[in-house]
Amino acid sequence: MITLLTIVHLLVCVFLIFVVLVQSSKGAELGAAFGGSNQTLFGSRGAATLLNKLTTAAAIAFMLTSLALAVFHGGSVMSGAKPVKESPAGSLPKDTTGPVQEKTSSGEQTPVQPLPR
């Protein structure tokens, strides 16, 4: 079932790419980015062409096959991920509220002066 659905999905994908590339461009105006010329950007567009209808149908089929593949595949992409190991409780310093301290070469800890604001 998943193999058949994957084949249909790939065919729909190739068909959608083909239909989009075959359509004529409308120019480089602002309206072209939204699917029309600058005269019809905020007005009616008229009747939809056959290529527009095919593009819409292919896009809907692509979304439905994508959703069906996600549902039938089951599981999660994170199911194979390894959990992050937590650090042991004793690895953190006991007093984290005081000033940051530096260790000198002799092993002594000296407080670091904060920068003036």
PDB file of N, CA and C in Angstrom:
ATOM      1  N   MET A   1       0.825  -1.192   0.000  1.00  0.00           N
ATOM      2  CA  MET A   1       0.000   0.000   0.000  1.00  0.00           C
ATOM      3  C   MET A   1       0.872   1.260   0.000  1.00  0.00           C
ATOM      4  N   ILE A   2       1.882   1.255   0.857  1.00  0.00           N
ATOM      5  CA  ILE A   2       2.755   2.432   0.945  1.00  0.00           C
ATOM      6  C   ILE A   2       3.560   2.586  -0.342  1.00  0.00           C
ATOM      7  N   THR A   3       3.961   1.466  -0.954  1.00  0.00           N
ATOM      8  CA  THR A   3       4.718   1.536  -2.203  1.00  0.00           C
ATOM      9  C   THR A   3       3.874   2.152  -3.315  1.00  0.00           C
ATOM     10  N   LEU A   4       2.633   1.723  -3.429  1.00  0.00           N
ATOM     11  CA  LEU A   4       1.731   2.284  -4.435  1.00  0.00           C
ATOM     12  C   LEU A   4       1.494   3.767  -4.184  1.00  0.00           C
ATOM     13  N   LEU A   5       1.286   4.127  -2.942  1.00  0.00           N
ATOM     14  CA  LEU A   5       1.057   5.532  -2.592  1.00  0.00           C
ATOM     15  C   LEU A   5       2.300   6.384  -2.877  1.00  0.00           C
ATOM     16  N   THR A   6       3.475   5.831  -2.648  1.00  0.00           N
ATOM     17  CA  THR A   6       4.715   6.551  -2.938  1.00  0.00           C
ATOM     18  C   THR A   6       4.883   6.772  -4.435  1.00  0.00           C
ATOM     19  N   ILE A   7       4.544   5.769  -5.240  1.00  0.00           N
ATOM     20  CA  ILE A   7       4.631   5.909  -6.693  1.00  0.00           C
ATOM     21  C   ILE A   7       3.657   6.970  -7.190  1.00  0.00           C
ATOM     22  N   VAL A   8       2.420   6.941  -6.670  1.00  0.00           N
ATOM     23  CA  VAL A   8       1.429   7.960  -7.049  1.00  0.00           C
ATOM     24  C   VAL A   8       1.905   9.344  -6.623  1.00  0.00           C
ATOM     25  N   HIS A   9       2.479   9.433  -5.447  1.00  0.00           N
ATOM     26  CA  HIS A   9       2.990  10.710  -4.945  1.00  0.00           C
ATOM     27  C   HIS A   9       4.092  11.257  -5.855  1.00  0.00           C
ATOM     28  N   LEU A  10       5.007  10.410  -6.280  1.00  0.00           N
ATOM     29  CA  LEU A  10       6.083  10.854  -7.169  1.00  0.00           C
ATOM     30  C   LEU A  10       5.544  11.274  -8.535  1.00  0.00           C
ATOM     31  N   LEU A  11       4.565  10.550  -9.059  1.00  0.00           N
ATOM     32  CA  LEU A  11       3.966  10.930 -10.339  1.00  0.00           C
ATOM     33  C   LEU A  11       3.246  12.275 -10.236  1.00  0.00           C
ATOM     34  N   VAL A  12       2.517  12.479  -9.154  1.00  0.00           N
ATOM     35  CA  VAL A  12       1.833  13.751  -8.939  1.00  0.00           C
ATOM     36  C   VAL A  12       2.852  14.873  -8.798  1.00  0.00           C
ATOM     37  N   CYS A  13       3.946  14.598  -8.122  1.00  0.00           N
ATOM     38  CA  CYS A  13       5.002  15.583  -7.929  1.00  0.00           C
ATOM     39  C   CYS A  13       5.603  16.016  -9.263  1.00  0.00           C
ATOM     40  N   VAL A  14       5.918  15.055 -10.117  1.00  0.00           N
ATOM     41  CA  VAL A  14       6.496  15.364 -11.432  1.00  0.00           C
ATOM     42  C   VAL A  14       5.472  16.107 -12.283  1.00  0.00           C
ATOM     43  N   PHE A  15       4.215  15.690 -12.227  1.00  0.00           N
ATOM     44  CA  PHE A  15       3.162  16.359 -13.006  1.00  0.00           C
ATOM     45  C   PHE A  15       2.979  17.800 -12.531  1.00  0.00           C
ATOM     46  N   LEU A  16       3.013  18.023 -11.237  1.00  0.00           N
ATOM     47  CA  LEU A  16       2.859  19.374 -10.698  1.00  0.00           C
ATOM     48  C   LEU A  16       4.000  20.275 -11.156  1.00  0.00           C
ATOM     49  N   ILE A  17       5.217  19.759 -11.120  1.00  0.00           N
ATOM     50  CA  ILE A  17       6.374  20.539 -11.592  1.00  0.00           C
ATOM     51  C   ILE A  17       6.208  20.873 -13.079  1.00  0.00           C
ATOM     52  N   PHE A  18       5.786  19.889 -13.872  1.00  0.00           N
ATOM     53  CA  PHE A  18       5.598  20.109 -15.302  1.00  0.00           C
ATOM     54  C   PHE A  18       4.539  21.174 -15.574  1.00  0.00           C
ATOM     55  N   VAL A  19       3.391  21.085 -14.903  1.00  0.00           N
ATOM     56  CA  VAL A  19       2.291  22.022 -15.145  1.00  0.00           C
ATOM     57  C   VAL A  19       2.692  23.440 -14.741  1.00  0.00           C
ATOM     58  N   VAL A  20       3.434  23.572 -13.661  1.00  0.00           N
ATOM     59  CA  VAL A  20       3.860  24.904 -13.234  1.00  0.00           C
ATOM     60  C   VAL A  20       4.860  25.483 -14.224  1.00  0.00           C
ATOM     61  N   LEU A  21       5.775  24.673 -14.726  1.00  0.00           N
ATOM     62  CA  LEU A  21       6.779  25.182 -15.656  1.00  0.00           C
ATOM     63  C   LEU A  21       6.212  25.487 -17.035  1.00  0.00           C
ATOM     64  N   VAL A  22       5.140  24.830 -17.435  1.00  0.00           N
ATOM     65  CA  VAL A  22       4.553  25.056 -18.755  1.00  0.00           C
ATOM     66  C   VAL A  22       3.792  26.375 -18.808  1.00  0.00           C
ATOM     67  N   GLN A  23       3.281  26.836 -17.688  1.00  0.00           N
ATOM     68  CA  GLN A  23       2.486  28.061 -17.686  1.00  0.00           C
ATOM     69  C   GLN A  23       3.322  29.253 -18.112  1.00  0.00           C
ATOM     70  N   SER A  24       2.667  30.174 -18.800  1.00  0.00           N
ATOM     71  CA  SER A  24       3.373  31.380 -19.241  1.00  0.00           C
ATOM     72  C   SER A  24       3.509  32.345 -18.069  1.00  0.00           C
ATOM     73  N   SER A  25       4.633  33.041 -18.040  1.00  0.00           N
ATOM     74  CA  SER A  25       4.844  34.002 -16.967  1.00  0.00           C
ATOM     75  C   SER A  25       4.062  35.267 -17.263  1.00  0.00           C
ATOM     76  N   LYS A  26       3.764  36.017 -16.234  1.00  0.00           N
ATOM     77  CA  LYS A  26       2.962  37.214 -16.387  1.00  0.00           C
ATOM     78  C   LYS A  26       3.801  38.480 -16.279  1.00  0.00           C
ATOM     79  N   GLY A  27       5.120  38.350 -16.224  1.00  0.00           N
ATOM     80  CA  GLY A  27       5.967  39.529 -16.107  1.00  0.00           C
ATOM     81  C   GLY A  27       6.593  39.604 -14.737  1.00  0.00           C
ATOM     82  N   ALA A  28       7.346  40.657 -14.506  1.00  0.00           N
ATOM     83  CA  ALA A  28       8.077  40.784 -13.248  1.00  0.00           C
ATOM     84  C   ALA A  28       7.470  41.839 -12.330  1.00  0.00           C
ATOM     85  N   GLU A  29       6.211  42.205 -12.537  1.00  0.00           N
ATOM     86  CA  GLU A  29       5.590  43.195 -11.668  1.00  0.00           C
ATOM     87  C   GLU A  29       5.207  42.562 -10.335  1.00  0.00           C
ATOM     88  N   LEU A  30       4.726  43.397  -9.435  1.00  0.00           N
ATOM     89  CA  LEU A  30       4.301  42.913  -8.128  1.00  0.00           C
ATOM     90  C   LEU A  30       3.144  41.942  -8.260  1.00  0.00           C
ATOM     91  N   GLY A  31       2.262  42.193  -9.191  1.00  0.00           N
ATOM     92  CA  GLY A  31       1.118  41.318  -9.390  1.00  0.00           C
ATOM     93  C   GLY A  31       1.510  39.923  -9.829  1.00  0.00           C
ATOM     94  N   ALA A  32       2.624  39.810 -10.534  1.00  0.00           N
ATOM     95  CA  ALA A  32       3.061  38.500 -11.000  1.00  0.00           C
ATOM     96  C   ALA A  32       3.429  37.595  -9.840  1.00  0.00           C
ATOM     97  N   ALA A  33       3.900  38.178  -8.753  1.00  0.00           N
ATOM     98  CA  ALA A  33       4.246  37.377  -7.579  1.00  0.00           C
ATOM     99  C   ALA A  33       3.006  36.789  -6.926  1.00  0.00           C
ATOM    100  N   PHE A  34       1.857  37.435  -7.129  1.00  0.00           N
ATOM    101  CA  PHE A  34       0.615  36.962  -6.521  1.00  0.00           C
ATOM    102  C   PHE A  34      -0.304  36.291  -7.520  1.00  0.00           C
ATOM    103  N   GLY A  35       0.164  36.002  -8.726  1.00  0.00           N
ATOM    104  CA  GLY A  35      -0.622  35.225  -9.668  1.00  0.00           C
ATOM    105  C   GLY A  35      -1.453  36.033 -10.640  1.00  0.00           C
ATOM    106  N   GLY A  36      -1.140  37.270 -10.880  1.00  0.00           N
ATOM    107  CA  GLY A  36      -1.893  38.068 -11.841  1.00  0.00           C
ATOM    108  C   GLY A  36      -1.078  39.246 -12.322  1.00  0.00           C
ATOM    109  N   SER A  37      -1.604  39.985 -13.278  1.00  0.00           N
ATOM    110  CA  SER A  37      -0.893  41.179 -13.737  1.00  0.00           C
ATOM    111  C   SER A  37      -1.206  42.331 -12.793  1.00  0.00           C
ATOM    112  N   ASN A  38      -0.557  43.480 -13.004  1.00  0.00           N
ATOM    113  CA  ASN A  38      -0.759  44.578 -12.071  1.00  0.00           C
ATOM    114  C   ASN A  38      -2.154  45.168 -12.178  1.00  0.00           C
ATOM    115  N   GLN A  39      -2.867  44.980 -13.292  1.00  0.00           N
ATOM    116  CA  GLN A  39      -4.226  45.478 -13.395  1.00  0.00           C
ATOM    117  C   GLN A  39      -5.207  44.592 -12.616  1.00  0.00           C
ATOM    118  N   THR A  40      -4.894  43.329 -12.461  1.00  0.00           N
ATOM    119  CA  THR A  40      -5.831  42.414 -11.814  1.00  0.00           C
ATOM    120  C   THR A  40      -5.374  41.989 -10.425  1.00  0.00           C
ATOM    121  N   LEU A  41      -4.405  42.720  -9.860  1.00  0.00           N
ATOM    122  CA  LEU A  41      -3.888  42.321  -8.561  1.00  0.00           C
ATOM    123  C   LEU A  41      -4.975  42.355  -7.494  1.00  0.00           C
ATOM    124  N   PHE A  42      -5.773  43.421  -7.486  1.00  0.00           N
ATOM    125  CA  PHE A  42      -6.808  43.547  -6.461  1.00  0.00           C
ATOM    126  C   PHE A  42      -8.208  43.424  -7.039  1.00  0.00           C
ATOM    127  N   GLY A  43      -8.317  43.078  -8.305  1.00  0.00           N
ATOM    128  CA  GLY A  43      -9.622  42.949  -8.936  1.00  0.00           C
ATOM    129  C   GLY A  43      -9.904  41.518  -9.332  1.00  0.00           C
ATOM    130  N   SER A  44     -10.964  41.328 -10.144  1.00  0.00           N
ATOM    131  CA  SER A  44     -11.310  39.989 -10.589  1.00  0.00           C
ATOM    132  C   SER A  44     -10.342  39.543 -11.681  1.00  0.00           C
ATOM    133  N   ARG A  45     -10.135  38.248 -11.791  1.00  0.00           N
ATOM    134  CA  ARG A  45      -9.169  37.709 -12.744  1.00  0.00           C
ATOM    135  C   ARG A  45      -9.828  37.126 -13.976  1.00  0.00           C
ATOM    136  N   GLY A  46     -11.093  36.894 -13.938  1.00  0.00           N
ATOM    137  CA  GLY A  46     -11.748  36.264 -15.081  1.00  0.00           C
ATOM    138  C   GLY A  46     -11.757  34.758 -14.915  1.00  0.00           C
ATOM    139  N   ALA A  47     -12.064  34.070 -15.999  1.00  0.00           N
ATOM    140  CA  ALA A  47     -12.179  32.616 -15.970  1.00  0.00           C
ATOM    141  C   ALA A  47     -10.799  31.970 -15.812  1.00  0.00           C
ATOM    142  N   ALA A  48     -10.753  30.897 -15.059  1.00  0.00           N
ATOM    143  CA  ALA A  48      -9.507  30.161 -14.865  1.00  0.00           C
ATOM    144  C   ALA A  48      -9.235  29.303 -16.093  1.00  0.00           C
ATOM    145  N   THR A  49      -7.977  29.268 -16.489  1.00  0.00           N
ATOM    146  CA  THR A  49      -7.609  28.462 -17.654  1.00  0.00           C
ATOM    147  C   THR A  49      -7.482  26.992 -17.253  1.00  0.00           C
ATOM    148  N   LEU A  50      -7.329  26.153 -18.263  1.00  0.00           N
ATOM    149  CA  LEU A  50      -7.177  24.720 -18.014  1.00  0.00           C
ATOM    150  C   LEU A  50      -5.910  24.445 -17.205  1.00  0.00           C
ATOM    151  N   LEU A  51      -4.812  25.168 -17.518  1.00  0.00           N
ATOM    152  CA  LEU A  51      -3.569  24.958 -16.764  1.00  0.00           C
ATOM    153  C   LEU A  51      -3.717  25.365 -15.305  1.00  0.00           C
ATOM    154  N   ASN A  52      -4.478  26.409 -15.030  1.00  0.00           N
ATOM    155  CA  ASN A  52      -4.707  26.812 -13.637  1.00  0.00           C
ATOM    156  C   ASN A  52      -5.481  25.734 -12.883  1.00  0.00           C
ATOM    157  N   LYS A  53      -6.480  25.169 -13.546  1.00  0.00           N
ATOM    158  CA  LYS A  53      -7.266  24.109 -12.906  1.00  0.00           C
ATOM    159  C   LYS A  53      -6.427  22.850 -12.682  1.00  0.00           C
ATOM    160  N   LEU A  54      -5.575  22.516 -13.666  1.00  0.00           N
ATOM    161  CA  LEU A  54      -4.692  21.353 -13.513  1.00  0.00           C
ATOM    162  C   LEU A  54      -3.682  21.577 -12.378  1.00  0.00           C
ATOM    163  N   THR A  55      -3.177  22.802 -12.268  1.00  0.00           N
ATOM    164  CA  THR A  55      -2.237  23.112 -11.193  1.00  0.00           C
ATOM    165  C   THR A  55      -2.909  22.965  -9.834  1.00  0.00           C
ATOM    166  N   THR A  56      -4.125  23.474  -9.716  1.00  0.00           N
ATOM    167  CA  THR A  56      -4.856  23.362  -8.452  1.00  0.00           C
ATOM    168  C   THR A  56      -5.133  21.903  -8.102  1.00  0.00           C
ATOM    169  N   ALA A  57      -5.552  21.132  -9.086  1.00  0.00           N
ATOM    170  CA  ALA A  57      -5.843  19.712  -8.840  1.00  0.00           C
ATOM    171  C   ALA A  57      -4.578  18.954  -8.459  1.00  0.00           C
ATOM    172  N   ALA A  58      -3.472  19.248  -9.145  1.00  0.00           N
ATOM    173  CA  ALA A  58      -2.217  18.564  -8.827  1.00  0.00           C
ATOM    174  C   ALA A  58      -1.711  18.958  -7.443  1.00  0.00           C
ATOM    175  N   ALA A  59      -1.881  20.227  -7.060  1.00  0.00           N
ATOM    176  CA  ALA A  59      -1.447  20.664  -5.733  1.00  0.00           C
ATOM    177  C   ALA A  59      -2.271  19.989  -4.639  1.00  0.00           C
ATOM    178  N   ILE A  60      -3.577  19.870  -4.858  1.00  0.00           N
ATOM    179  CA  ILE A  60      -4.435  19.194  -3.875  1.00  0.00           C
ATOM    180  C   ILE A  60      -4.059  17.718  -3.783  1.00  0.00           C
ATOM    181  N   ALA A  61      -3.825  17.071  -4.928  1.00  0.00           N
ATOM    182  CA  ALA A  61      -3.425  15.662  -4.921  1.00  0.00           C
ATOM    183  C   ALA A  61      -2.079  15.482  -4.220  1.00  0.00           C
ATOM    184  N   PHE A  62      -1.153  16.410  -4.442  1.00  0.00           N
ATOM    185  CA  PHE A  62       0.155  16.339  -3.779  1.00  0.00           C
ATOM    186  C   PHE A  62       0.005  16.443  -2.266  1.00  0.00           C
ATOM    187  N   MET A  63      -0.827  17.367  -1.801  1.00  0.00           N
ATOM    188  CA  MET A  63      -1.029  17.518  -0.349  1.00  0.00           C
ATOM    189  C   MET A  63      -1.697  16.288   0.248  1.00  0.00           C
ATOM    190  N   LEU A  64      -2.679  15.739  -0.453  1.00  0.00           N
ATOM    191  CA  LEU A  64      -3.375  14.559   0.070  1.00  0.00           C
ATOM    192  C   LEU A  64      -2.457  13.333   0.118  1.00  0.00           C
ATOM    193  N   THR A  65      -1.655  13.137  -0.913  1.00  0.00           N
ATOM    194  CA  THR A  65      -0.743  11.991  -0.884  1.00  0.00           C
ATOM    195  C   THR A  65       0.349  12.178   0.165  1.00  0.00           C
ATOM    196  N   SER A  66       0.787  13.425   0.377  1.00  0.00           N
ATOM    197  CA  SER A  66       1.765  13.689   1.443  1.00  0.00           C
ATOM    198  C   SER A  66       1.175  13.359   2.808  1.00  0.00           C
ATOM    199  N   LEU A  67      -0.060  13.784   3.024  1.00  0.00           N
ATOM    200  CA  LEU A  67      -0.732  13.506   4.293  1.00  0.00           C
ATOM    201  C   LEU A  67      -0.954  12.004   4.472  1.00  0.00           C
ATOM    202  N   ALA A  68      -1.367  11.332   3.413  1.00  0.00           N
ATOM    203  CA  ALA A  68      -1.604   9.891   3.496  1.00  0.00           C
ATOM    204  C   ALA A  68      -0.311   9.137   3.786  1.00  0.00           C
ATOM    205  N   LEU A  69       0.782   9.546   3.164  1.00  0.00           N
ATOM    206  CA  LEU A  69       2.069   8.896   3.444  1.00  0.00           C
ATOM    207  C   LEU A  69       2.492   9.115   4.890  1.00  0.00           C
ATOM    208  N   ALA A  70       2.255  10.290   5.402  1.00  0.00           N
ATOM    209  CA  ALA A  70       2.613  10.571   6.799  1.00  0.00           C
ATOM    210  C   ALA A  70       1.777   9.730   7.762  1.00  0.00           C
ATOM    211  N   VAL A  71       0.504   9.558   7.459  1.00  0.00           N
ATOM    212  CA  VAL A  71      -0.376   8.782   8.336  1.00  0.00           C
ATOM    213  C   VAL A  71      -0.054   7.292   8.250  1.00  0.00           C
ATOM    214  N   PHE A  72       0.121   6.777   7.030  1.00  0.00           N
ATOM    215  CA  PHE A  72       0.363   5.346   6.869  1.00  0.00           C
ATOM    216  C   PHE A  72       1.754   4.921   7.302  1.00  0.00           C
ATOM    217  N   HIS A  73       2.711   5.811   7.187  1.00  0.00           N
ATOM    218  CA  HIS A  73       4.080   5.474   7.592  1.00  0.00           C
ATOM    219  C   HIS A  73       4.127   5.228   9.086  1.00  0.00           C
ATOM    220  N   GLY A  74       3.378   6.007   9.842  1.00  0.00           N
ATOM    221  CA  GLY A  74       3.327   5.840  11.291  1.00  0.00           C
ATOM    222  C   GLY A  74       4.644   6.187  11.940  1.00  0.00           C
ATOM    223  N   GLY A  75       4.643   6.218  13.242  1.00  0.00           N
ATOM    224  CA  GLY A  75       5.862   6.537  13.967  1.00  0.00           C
ATOM    225  C   GLY A  75       6.223   8.003  13.832  1.00  0.00           C
ATOM    226  N   SER A  76       7.394   8.293  14.279  1.00  0.00           N
ATOM    227  CA  SER A  76       7.880   9.652  14.259  1.00  0.00           C
ATOM    228  C   SER A  76       9.291   9.664  13.705  1.00  0.00           C
ATOM    229  N   VAL A  77       9.708  10.787  13.166  1.00  0.00           N
ATOM    230  CA  VAL A  77      11.080  10.899  12.708  1.00  0.00           C
ATOM    231  C   VAL A  77      12.032  10.921  13.889  1.00  0.00           C
ATOM    232  N   MET A  78      11.529  11.189  15.068  1.00  0.00           N
ATOM    233  CA  MET A  78      12.345  11.238  16.275  1.00  0.00           C
ATOM    234  C   MET A  78      12.382   9.900  17.007  1.00  0.00           C
ATOM    235  N   SER A  79      11.699   8.882  16.497  1.00  0.00           N
ATOM    236  CA  SER A  79      11.656   7.603  17.207  1.00  0.00           C
ATOM    237  C   SER A  79      13.025   6.927  17.261  1.00  0.00           C
ATOM    238  N   GLY A  80      13.893   7.179  16.314  1.00  0.00           N
ATOM    239  CA  GLY A  80      15.213   6.564  16.306  1.00  0.00           C
ATOM    240  C   GLY A  80      16.278   7.400  17.002  1.00  0.00           C
ATOM    241  N   ALA A  81      15.906   8.579  17.499  1.00  0.00           N
ATOM    242  CA  ALA A  81      16.883   9.463  18.135  1.00  0.00           C
ATOM    243  C   ALA A  81      17.262   8.936  19.512  1.00  0.00           C
ATOM    244  N   LYS A  82      18.534   9.124  19.866  1.00  0.00           N
ATOM    245  CA  LYS A  82      18.998   8.701  21.175  1.00  0.00           C
ATOM    246  C   LYS A  82      18.734   9.804  22.194  1.00  0.00           C
ATOM    247  N   PRO A  83      18.325   9.446  23.406  1.00  0.00           N
ATOM    248  CA  PRO A  83      18.079  10.483  24.414  1.00  0.00           C
ATOM    249  C   PRO A  83      19.388  11.126  24.875  1.00  0.00           C
ATOM    250  N   VAL A  84      19.304  12.366  25.281  1.00  0.00           N
ATOM    251  CA  VAL A  84      20.462  13.095  25.780  1.00  0.00           C
ATOM    252  C   VAL A  84      20.756  12.623  27.196  1.00  0.00           C
ATOM    253  N   LYS A  85      22.010  12.323  27.467  1.00  0.00           N
ATOM    254  CA  LYS A  85      22.378  11.877  28.800  1.00  0.00           C
ATOM    255  C   LYS A  85      22.417  13.066  29.737  1.00  0.00           C
ATOM    256  N   GLU A  86      21.796  12.900  30.892  1.00  0.00           N
ATOM    257  CA  GLU A  86      21.806  13.971  31.880  1.00  0.00           C
ATOM    258  C   GLU A  86      23.100  13.903  32.675  1.00  0.00           C
ATOM    259  N   SER A  87      23.587  15.071  33.076  1.00  0.00           N
ATOM    260  CA  SER A  87      24.803  15.103  33.881  1.00  0.00           C
ATOM    261  C   SER A  87      24.478  14.683  35.302  1.00  0.00           C
ATOM    262  N   PRO A  88      25.412  14.058  35.996  1.00  0.00           N
ATOM    263  CA  PRO A  88      25.154  13.669  37.377  1.00  0.00           C
ATOM    264  C   PRO A  88      24.943  14.901  38.245  1.00  0.00           C
ATOM    265  N   ALA A  89      24.200  14.714  39.311  1.00  0.00           N
ATOM    266  CA  ALA A  89      23.842  15.836  40.173  1.00  0.00           C
ATOM    267  C   ALA A  89      25.065  16.479  40.810  1.00  0.00           C
ATOM    268  N   GLY A  90      26.111  15.745  41.084  1.00  0.00           N
ATOM    269  CA  GLY A  90      27.284  16.290  41.746  1.00  0.00           C
ATOM    270  C   GLY A  90      28.244  17.021  40.818  1.00  0.00           C
ATOM    271  N   SER A  91      27.963  17.058  39.512  1.00  0.00           N
ATOM    272  CA  SER A  91      28.912  17.667  38.591  1.00  0.00           C
ATOM    273  C   SER A  91      28.803  19.185  38.541  1.00  0.00           C
ATOM    274  N   LEU A  92      27.708  19.734  39.021  1.00  0.00           N
ATOM    275  CA  LEU A  92      27.546  21.181  39.014  1.00  0.00           C
ATOM    276  C   LEU A  92      28.134  21.778  40.292  1.00  0.00           C
ATOM    277  N   PRO A  93      28.649  23.007  40.227  1.00  0.00           N
ATOM    278  CA  PRO A  93      29.166  23.622  41.446  1.00  0.00           C
ATOM    279  C   PRO A  93      28.032  23.858  42.443  1.00  0.00           C
ATOM    280  N   LYS A  94      28.360  23.763  43.729  1.00  0.00           N
ATOM    281  CA  LYS A  94      27.329  23.885  44.766  1.00  0.00           C
ATOM    282  C   LYS A  94      26.815  25.309  44.871  1.00  0.00           C
ATOM    283  N   ASP A  95      27.717  26.305  44.767  1.00  0.00           N
ATOM    284  CA  ASP A  95      27.306  27.687  44.923  1.00  0.00           C
ATOM    285  C   ASP A  95      27.410  28.380  43.570  1.00  0.00           C
ATOM    286  N   THR A  96      26.294  28.563  42.915  1.00  0.00           N
ATOM    287  CA  THR A  96      26.302  29.232  41.622  1.00  0.00           C
ATOM    288  C   THR A  96      25.790  30.658  41.724  1.00  0.00           C
ATOM    289  N   THR A  97      25.500  31.136  42.943  1.00  0.00           N
ATOM    290  CA  THR A  97      24.967  32.483  43.094  1.00  0.00           C
ATOM    291  C   THR A  97      26.053  33.526  43.307  1.00  0.00           C
ATOM    292  N   GLY A  98      27.235  33.126  43.712  1.00  0.00           N
ATOM    293  CA  GLY A  98      28.313  34.073  43.997  1.00  0.00           C
ATOM    294  C   GLY A  98      29.019  34.521  42.730  1.00  0.00           C
ATOM    295  N   PRO A  99      30.055  35.355  42.885  1.00  0.00           N
ATOM    296  CA  PRO A  99      30.792  35.828  41.707  1.00  0.00           C
ATOM    297  C   PRO A  99      31.581  34.689  41.072  1.00  0.00           C
ATOM    298  N   VAL A 100      31.837  34.836  39.787  1.00  0.00           N
ATOM    299  CA  VAL A 100      32.611  33.844  39.054  1.00  0.00           C
ATOM    300  C   VAL A 100      34.048  33.892  39.557  1.00  0.00           C
ATOM    301  N   GLN A 101      34.649  32.701  39.690  1.00  0.00           N
ATOM    302  CA  GLN A 101      36.005  32.645  40.220  1.00  0.00           C
ATOM    303  C   GLN A 101      36.942  32.014  39.197  1.00  0.00           C
ATOM    304  N   GLU A 102      38.197  32.481  39.217  1.00  0.00           N
ATOM    305  CA  GLU A 102      39.227  31.915  38.347  1.00  0.00           C
ATOM    306  C   GLU A 102      40.192  31.099  39.182  1.00  0.00           C
ATOM    307  N   LYS A 103      40.744  30.063  38.569  1.00  0.00           N
ATOM    308  CA  LYS A 103      41.774  29.279  39.249  1.00  0.00           C
ATOM    309  C   LYS A 103      43.137  29.771  38.772  1.00  0.00           C
ATOM    310  N   THR A 104      44.020  29.983  39.715  1.00  0.00           N
ATOM    311  CA  THR A 104      45.380  30.379  39.372  1.00  0.00           C
ATOM    312  C   THR A 104      46.207  29.135  39.153  1.00  0.00           C
ATOM    313  N   SER A 105      47.453  29.320  38.745  1.00  0.00           N
ATOM    314  CA  SER A 105      48.322  28.177  38.481  1.00  0.00           C
ATOM    315  C   SER A 105      48.603  27.378  39.752  1.00  0.00           C
ATOM    316  N   SER A 106      48.517  28.023  40.929  1.00  0.00           N
ATOM    317  CA  SER A 106      48.763  27.302  42.177  1.00  0.00           C
ATOM    318  C   SER A 106      47.507  26.584  42.678  1.00  0.00           C
ATOM    319  N   GLY A 107      46.379  26.773  41.988  1.00  0.00           N
ATOM    320  CA  GLY A 107      45.159  26.076  42.381  1.00  0.00           C
ATOM    321  C   GLY A 107      44.221  26.927  43.212  1.00  0.00           C
ATOM    322  N   GLU A 108      44.620  28.155  43.579  1.00  0.00           N
ATOM    323  CA  GLU A 108      43.745  29.020  44.367  1.00  0.00           C
ATOM    324  C   GLU A 108      42.675  29.627  43.471  1.00  0.00           C
ATOM    325  N   GLN A 109      41.531  29.893  44.075  1.00  0.00           N
ATOM    326  CA  GLN A 109      40.452  30.519  43.338  1.00  0.00           C
ATOM    327  C   GLN A 109      40.368  31.984  43.747  1.00  0.00           C
ATOM    328  N   THR A 110      40.394  32.872  42.774  1.00  0.00           N
ATOM    329  CA  THR A 110      40.282  34.302  43.060  1.00  0.00           C
ATOM    330  C   THR A 110      39.024  34.833  42.376  1.00  0.00           C
ATOM    331  N   PRO A 111      38.271  35.692  43.067  1.00  0.00           N
ATOM    332  CA  PRO A 111      37.059  36.227  42.459  1.00  0.00           C
ATOM    333  C   PRO A 111      37.416  37.156  41.301  1.00  0.00           C
ATOM    334  N   VAL A 112      36.625  37.105  40.252  1.00  0.00           N
ATOM    335  CA  VAL A 112      36.812  37.974  39.099  1.00  0.00           C
ATOM    336  C   VAL A 112      35.989  39.232  39.322  1.00  0.00           C
ATOM    337  N   GLN A 113      36.604  40.389  39.100  1.00  0.00           N
ATOM    338  CA  GLN A 113      35.890  41.648  39.284  1.00  0.00           C
ATOM    339  C   GLN A 113      34.924  41.871  38.133  1.00  0.00           C
ATOM    340  N   PRO A 114      33.676  42.276  38.428  1.00  0.00           N
ATOM    341  CA  PRO A 114      32.723  42.525  37.337  1.00  0.00           C
ATOM    342  C   PRO A 114      33.124  43.776  36.554  1.00  0.00           C
ATOM    343  N   LEU A 115      32.753  43.828  35.307  1.00  0.00           N
ATOM    344  CA  LEU A 115      33.035  44.976  34.462  1.00  0.00           C
ATOM    345  C   LEU A 115      32.148  46.143  34.864  1.00  0.00           C
ATOM    346  N   PRO A 116      32.656  47.390  34.830  1.00  0.00           N
ATOM    347  CA  PRO A 116      31.810  48.544  35.157  1.00  0.00           C
ATOM    348  C   PRO A 116      30.745  48.724  34.085  1.00  0.00           C
ATOM    349  N   ARG A 117      29.612  49.212  34.510  1.00  0.00           N
ATOM    350  CA  ARG A 117      28.493  49.411  33.569  1.00  0.00           C
ATOM    351  C   ARG A 117      28.381  50.805  33.105  1.00  0.00           C
TER     352      ARG A 117
END
